[in-house]
């Protein structure tokens, strides 16, 4: 199974108070938990991204609880107001407790 790969698109610069568009996608091989291993017949454990969270300088921007019907490579697009130069942190949490993260900095000019 390939390792989940988060990708984000965030503007490098913005003016203070600007509203910017953020795009995120994580390549993640989802598993529904309904299939069986063809060799052993044992159920393949469910493995989905169940939470997506975004913070800016530690302050919560977006927190999404994801249900099993989500696509295999969850994509989110949202807007965020940029108050100052800072780091945006993105976190995707998997059923097994794994957390995949990525950070990007926005510089206020």
N, C-alpha and C. Protein backbone atom coordinates (compact mmCIF):
# COMPACT_ATOMS: atom_id res chain seq x y z
N UNK A 1 0.85 -1.17 0.00
CA UNK A 1 0.00 0.00 0.00
C UNK A 1 0.90 1.24 0.00
N UNK A 2 0.58 2.21 -0.84
CA UNK A 2 1.38 3.42 -0.92
C UNK A 2 1.12 4.32 0.30
N UNK A 3 2.12 5.12 0.61
CA UNK A 3 2.01 6.04 1.75
C UNK A 3 1.14 7.24 1.35
N UNK A 4 0.19 7.63 2.19
CA UNK A 4 -0.64 8.80 1.89
C UNK A 4 0.23 10.04 1.65
N UNK A 5 -0.16 10.82 0.66
CA UNK A 5 0.62 11.98 0.26
C UNK A 5 -0.26 13.24 0.27
N UNK A 6 -0.08 14.11 1.27
CA UNK A 6 -0.88 15.34 1.30
C UNK A 6 -0.32 16.40 0.34
N UNK A 7 -1.23 17.10 -0.32
CA UNK A 7 -0.85 18.21 -1.19
C UNK A 7 -1.73 19.41 -0.86
N UNK A 8 -1.13 20.58 -0.83
CA UNK A 8 -1.89 21.80 -0.53
C UNK A 8 -1.48 22.91 -1.47
N UNK A 9 -2.43 23.78 -1.75
CA UNK A 9 -2.15 24.96 -2.56
C UNK A 9 -2.58 26.17 -1.74
N UNK A 10 -1.59 26.97 -1.35
CA UNK A 10 -1.79 28.14 -0.50
C UNK A 10 -1.02 29.30 -1.12
N UNK A 11 -1.61 30.49 -1.20
CA UNK A 11 -0.85 31.63 -1.73
C UNK A 11 0.37 31.91 -0.85
N UNK A 12 1.49 32.28 -1.47
CA UNK A 12 2.71 32.58 -0.70
C UNK A 12 2.61 33.94 0.00
N UNK A 13 1.88 34.87 -0.63
CA UNK A 13 1.74 36.20 -0.05
C UNK A 13 0.28 36.65 -0.09
N UNK A 14 -0.03 37.58 0.79
CA UNK A 14 -1.37 38.19 0.84
C UNK A 14 -1.25 39.50 1.61
N UNK A 15 -2.21 40.36 1.45
CA UNK A 15 -2.27 41.58 2.25
C UNK A 15 -3.03 41.25 3.53
N UNK A 16 -2.70 41.97 4.60
CA UNK A 16 -3.39 41.75 5.87
C UNK A 16 -4.90 41.93 5.68
N UNK A 17 -5.66 40.94 6.12
CA UNK A 17 -7.12 41.00 6.00
C UNK A 17 -7.66 40.39 4.73
N UNK A 18 -6.78 40.00 3.81
CA UNK A 18 -7.24 39.35 2.58
C UNK A 18 -7.88 38.01 2.87
N UNK A 19 -8.84 37.64 2.05
CA UNK A 19 -9.44 36.31 2.10
C UNK A 19 -8.81 35.52 0.95
N UNK A 20 -8.17 34.41 1.28
CA UNK A 20 -7.48 33.60 0.27
C UNK A 20 -8.17 32.24 0.13
N UNK A 21 -8.01 31.64 -1.03
CA UNK A 21 -8.56 30.32 -1.29
C UNK A 21 -7.49 29.27 -1.03
N UNK A 22 -7.85 28.26 -0.26
CA UNK A 22 -6.96 27.15 0.09
C UNK A 22 -7.51 25.89 -0.57
N UNK A 23 -6.63 25.09 -1.17
CA UNK A 23 -7.03 23.82 -1.77
C UNK A 23 -6.15 22.72 -1.19
N UNK A 24 -6.77 21.61 -0.81
CA UNK A 24 -6.02 20.48 -0.26
C UNK A 24 -6.50 19.18 -0.86
N UNK A 25 -5.58 18.24 -0.96
CA UNK A 25 -5.91 16.91 -1.44
C UNK A 25 -4.93 15.94 -0.81
N UNK A 26 -5.40 14.80 -0.40
CA UNK A 26 -4.49 13.78 0.11
C UNK A 26 -4.72 12.51 -0.70
N UNK A 27 -3.64 12.02 -1.30
CA UNK A 27 -3.71 10.74 -2.01
C UNK A 27 -3.66 9.66 -0.95
N UNK A 28 -4.76 8.94 -0.81
CA UNK A 28 -4.89 7.98 0.28
C UNK A 28 -5.65 6.76 -0.21
N UNK A 29 -5.05 5.58 -0.12
CA UNK A 29 -5.75 4.37 -0.57
C UNK A 29 -6.78 3.92 0.47
N UNK A 30 -7.99 4.40 0.33
CA UNK A 30 -9.04 4.08 1.30
C UNK A 30 -9.45 2.61 1.22
N UNK A 31 -9.89 2.09 2.33
CA UNK A 31 -10.40 0.73 2.40
C UNK A 31 -11.69 0.76 3.20
N UNK A 32 -12.77 0.24 2.61
CA UNK A 32 -14.10 0.34 3.22
C UNK A 32 -14.30 -0.57 4.42
N UNK A 33 -13.52 -1.66 4.50
CA UNK A 33 -13.72 -2.63 5.57
C UNK A 33 -14.70 -3.73 5.18
N UNK A 34 -15.25 -3.65 3.96
CA UNK A 34 -16.22 -4.64 3.49
C UNK A 34 -15.59 -5.73 2.63
N UNK A 35 -14.37 -5.50 2.15
CA UNK A 35 -13.73 -6.49 1.29
C UNK A 35 -12.98 -7.53 2.11
N UNK A 36 -12.69 -8.66 1.48
CA UNK A 36 -11.93 -9.73 2.14
C UNK A 36 -10.63 -9.95 1.39
N UNK A 37 -9.61 -10.32 2.12
CA UNK A 37 -8.32 -10.66 1.53
C UNK A 37 -8.52 -11.90 0.65
N UNK A 38 -8.14 -11.81 -0.62
CA UNK A 38 -8.39 -12.95 -1.51
C UNK A 38 -7.60 -14.22 -1.13
N UNK A 39 -6.47 -14.05 -0.46
CA UNK A 39 -5.65 -15.21 -0.09
C UNK A 39 -6.15 -15.90 1.17
N UNK A 40 -6.54 -15.09 2.17
CA UNK A 40 -6.91 -15.68 3.47
C UNK A 40 -8.41 -15.68 3.74
N UNK A 41 -9.14 -14.82 3.04
CA UNK A 41 -10.57 -14.71 3.28
C UNK A 41 -10.90 -13.83 4.49
N UNK A 42 -9.88 -13.33 5.16
CA UNK A 42 -10.08 -12.46 6.33
C UNK A 42 -10.51 -11.07 5.87
N UNK A 43 -11.37 -10.41 6.64
CA UNK A 43 -11.77 -9.05 6.29
C UNK A 43 -10.56 -8.11 6.30
N UNK A 44 -10.51 -7.21 5.31
CA UNK A 44 -9.47 -6.18 5.27
C UNK A 44 -9.97 -5.04 6.16
N UNK A 45 -9.20 -4.64 7.17
CA UNK A 45 -9.67 -3.59 8.09
C UNK A 45 -9.98 -2.27 7.38
N UNK A 46 -11.00 -1.59 7.89
CA UNK A 46 -11.36 -0.28 7.36
C UNK A 46 -10.20 0.68 7.56
N UNK A 47 -9.94 1.50 6.56
CA UNK A 47 -8.87 2.51 6.64
C UNK A 47 -9.32 3.71 5.82
N UNK A 48 -9.87 4.69 6.52
CA UNK A 48 -10.30 5.92 5.85
C UNK A 48 -9.77 7.12 6.63
N UNK A 49 -9.69 8.23 5.94
CA UNK A 49 -9.41 9.51 6.59
C UNK A 49 -10.71 9.89 7.29
N UNK A 50 -10.67 10.09 8.61
CA UNK A 50 -11.92 10.38 9.33
C UNK A 50 -11.97 11.80 9.91
N UNK A 51 -10.86 12.56 9.73
CA UNK A 51 -10.87 13.93 10.23
C UNK A 51 -9.87 14.77 9.45
N UNK A 52 -10.27 16.00 9.14
CA UNK A 52 -9.39 16.96 8.50
C UNK A 52 -9.44 18.24 9.32
N UNK A 53 -8.27 18.75 9.65
CA UNK A 53 -8.19 19.92 10.53
C UNK A 53 -7.17 20.90 9.96
N UNK A 54 -7.51 22.18 10.01
CA UNK A 54 -6.59 23.24 9.58
C UNK A 54 -6.48 24.27 10.69
N UNK A 55 -5.25 24.69 10.96
CA UNK A 55 -5.01 25.76 11.94
C UNK A 55 -4.10 26.81 11.31
N UNK A 56 -4.22 28.03 11.80
CA UNK A 56 -3.33 29.13 11.40
C UNK A 56 -2.70 29.66 12.67
N UNK A 57 -1.40 29.48 12.78
CA UNK A 57 -0.66 29.90 13.98
C UNK A 57 -1.32 29.34 15.24
N UNK A 58 -1.76 28.08 15.18
CA UNK A 58 -2.34 27.40 16.33
C UNK A 58 -3.83 27.65 16.54
N UNK A 59 -4.41 28.59 15.79
CA UNK A 59 -5.84 28.89 15.93
C UNK A 59 -6.64 28.08 14.92
N UNK A 60 -7.68 27.41 15.38
CA UNK A 60 -8.49 26.55 14.52
C UNK A 60 -9.17 27.35 13.40
N UNK A 61 -9.02 26.86 12.19
CA UNK A 61 -9.66 27.47 11.02
C UNK A 61 -10.79 26.57 10.53
N UNK A 62 -10.52 25.26 10.45
CA UNK A 62 -11.49 24.31 9.91
C UNK A 62 -11.28 22.96 10.59
N UNK A 63 -12.37 22.32 10.98
CA UNK A 63 -12.30 20.99 11.60
C UNK A 63 -13.48 20.18 11.05
N UNK A 64 -13.17 19.15 10.26
CA UNK A 64 -14.20 18.38 9.57
C UNK A 64 -14.17 16.93 10.03
N UNK A 65 -15.30 16.42 10.48
CA UNK A 65 -15.45 14.99 10.77
C UNK A 65 -15.88 14.34 9.46
N UNK A 66 -15.12 13.35 9.01
CA UNK A 66 -15.37 12.74 7.71
C UNK A 66 -16.01 11.37 7.90
N UNK A 67 -17.05 11.12 7.14
CA UNK A 67 -17.78 9.85 7.22
C UNK A 67 -17.27 8.87 6.17
N UNK A 68 -17.60 7.58 6.31
CA UNK A 68 -17.07 6.56 5.40
C UNK A 68 -17.38 6.76 3.92
N UNK A 69 -18.35 7.57 3.57
CA UNK A 69 -18.69 7.75 2.16
C UNK A 69 -17.75 8.72 1.43
N UNK A 70 -16.72 9.23 2.10
CA UNK A 70 -15.77 10.15 1.49
C UNK A 70 -15.02 9.46 0.34
N UNK A 71 -14.60 10.22 -0.63
CA UNK A 71 -13.87 9.65 -1.76
C UNK A 71 -12.50 9.15 -1.32
N UNK A 72 -11.88 8.37 -2.18
CA UNK A 72 -10.57 7.77 -1.87
C UNK A 72 -9.48 8.82 -1.68
N UNK A 73 -9.55 9.94 -2.33
CA UNK A 73 -8.55 10.99 -2.21
C UNK A 73 -9.25 12.30 -1.84
N UNK A 74 -9.55 12.50 -0.56
CA UNK A 74 -10.36 13.64 -0.15
C UNK A 74 -9.77 14.99 -0.56
N UNK A 75 -10.62 15.83 -1.16
CA UNK A 75 -10.26 17.16 -1.64
C UNK A 75 -11.11 18.17 -0.89
N UNK A 76 -10.46 19.20 -0.38
CA UNK A 76 -11.18 20.29 0.28
C UNK A 76 -10.72 21.62 -0.31
N UNK A 77 -11.68 22.52 -0.53
CA UNK A 77 -11.40 23.87 -0.99
C UNK A 77 -12.19 24.81 -0.08
N UNK A 78 -11.50 25.78 0.52
CA UNK A 78 -12.17 26.71 1.42
C UNK A 78 -11.45 28.04 1.42
N UNK A 79 -12.08 29.04 2.02
CA UNK A 79 -11.48 30.38 2.11
C UNK A 79 -11.09 30.66 3.55
N UNK A 80 -10.02 31.46 3.68
CA UNK A 80 -9.50 31.81 5.00
C UNK A 80 -9.04 33.26 4.97
N UNK A 81 -9.35 33.99 6.03
CA UNK A 81 -8.89 35.37 6.17
C UNK A 81 -7.48 35.35 6.77
N UNK A 82 -6.57 36.11 6.17
CA UNK A 82 -5.17 36.14 6.62
C UNK A 82 -4.93 37.41 7.44
N UNK A 83 -4.80 37.29 8.77
CA UNK A 83 -4.61 38.47 9.60
C UNK A 83 -3.16 38.97 9.66
N UNK A 84 -2.21 38.04 9.48
CA UNK A 84 -0.79 38.37 9.63
C UNK A 84 0.04 37.27 8.98
N UNK A 85 1.35 37.48 8.91
CA UNK A 85 2.24 36.44 8.42
C UNK A 85 2.17 35.25 9.38
N UNK A 86 2.09 34.05 8.82
CA UNK A 86 2.01 32.89 9.69
C UNK A 86 2.00 31.58 8.94
N UNK A 87 1.94 30.51 9.71
CA UNK A 87 1.97 29.16 9.17
C UNK A 87 0.59 28.52 9.25
N UNK A 88 0.18 27.94 8.14
CA UNK A 88 -1.07 27.19 8.07
C UNK A 88 -0.68 25.72 8.18
N UNK A 89 -1.31 25.00 9.11
CA UNK A 89 -1.02 23.59 9.31
C UNK A 89 -2.26 22.77 8.95
N UNK A 90 -2.05 21.75 8.17
CA UNK A 90 -3.11 20.86 7.72
C UNK A 90 -2.85 19.47 8.31
N UNK A 91 -3.89 18.84 8.85
CA UNK A 91 -3.76 17.49 9.42
C UNK A 91 -4.90 16.61 8.96
N UNK A 92 -4.55 15.42 8.50
CA UNK A 92 -5.52 14.40 8.12
C UNK A 92 -5.31 13.23 9.08
N UNK A 93 -6.37 12.75 9.73
CA UNK A 93 -6.28 11.64 10.68
C UNK A 93 -6.93 10.41 10.07
N UNK A 94 -6.23 9.29 10.19
CA UNK A 94 -6.67 8.01 9.64
C UNK A 94 -7.33 7.18 10.75
N UNK A 95 -8.13 6.18 10.36
CA UNK A 95 -8.78 5.29 11.33
C UNK A 95 -7.81 4.65 12.32
N UNK A 96 -6.60 4.36 11.85
CA UNK A 96 -5.64 3.69 12.73
C UNK A 96 -4.88 4.66 13.64
N UNK A 97 -5.27 5.94 13.61
CA UNK A 97 -4.63 6.94 14.46
C UNK A 97 -3.48 7.67 13.80
N UNK A 98 -3.08 7.24 12.61
CA UNK A 98 -2.01 7.93 11.88
C UNK A 98 -2.45 9.35 11.53
N UNK A 99 -1.52 10.29 11.64
CA UNK A 99 -1.80 11.68 11.29
C UNK A 99 -0.80 12.08 10.21
N UNK A 100 -1.33 12.59 9.12
CA UNK A 100 -0.51 13.07 8.01
C UNK A 100 -0.66 14.58 8.01
N UNK A 101 0.46 15.29 7.92
CA UNK A 101 0.38 16.74 8.02
C UNK A 101 1.26 17.44 6.99
N UNK A 102 0.94 18.69 6.78
CA UNK A 102 1.71 19.54 5.87
C UNK A 102 1.55 20.96 6.38
N UNK A 103 2.61 21.76 6.24
CA UNK A 103 2.57 23.17 6.65
C UNK A 103 2.99 24.07 5.51
N UNK A 104 2.36 25.24 5.43
CA UNK A 104 2.72 26.25 4.44
C UNK A 104 2.68 27.60 5.14
N UNK A 105 3.57 28.49 4.72
CA UNK A 105 3.63 29.82 5.29
C UNK A 105 3.04 30.83 4.33
N UNK A 106 2.25 31.75 4.88
CA UNK A 106 1.72 32.87 4.10
C UNK A 106 2.38 34.14 4.66
N UNK A 107 2.99 34.91 3.78
CA UNK A 107 3.66 36.14 4.19
C UNK A 107 2.77 37.34 3.87
N UNK A 108 2.50 38.16 4.88
CA UNK A 108 1.71 39.38 4.66
C UNK A 108 2.65 40.46 4.15
N UNK A 109 2.28 41.01 3.00
CA UNK A 109 3.14 42.03 2.39
C UNK A 109 2.55 43.41 2.52
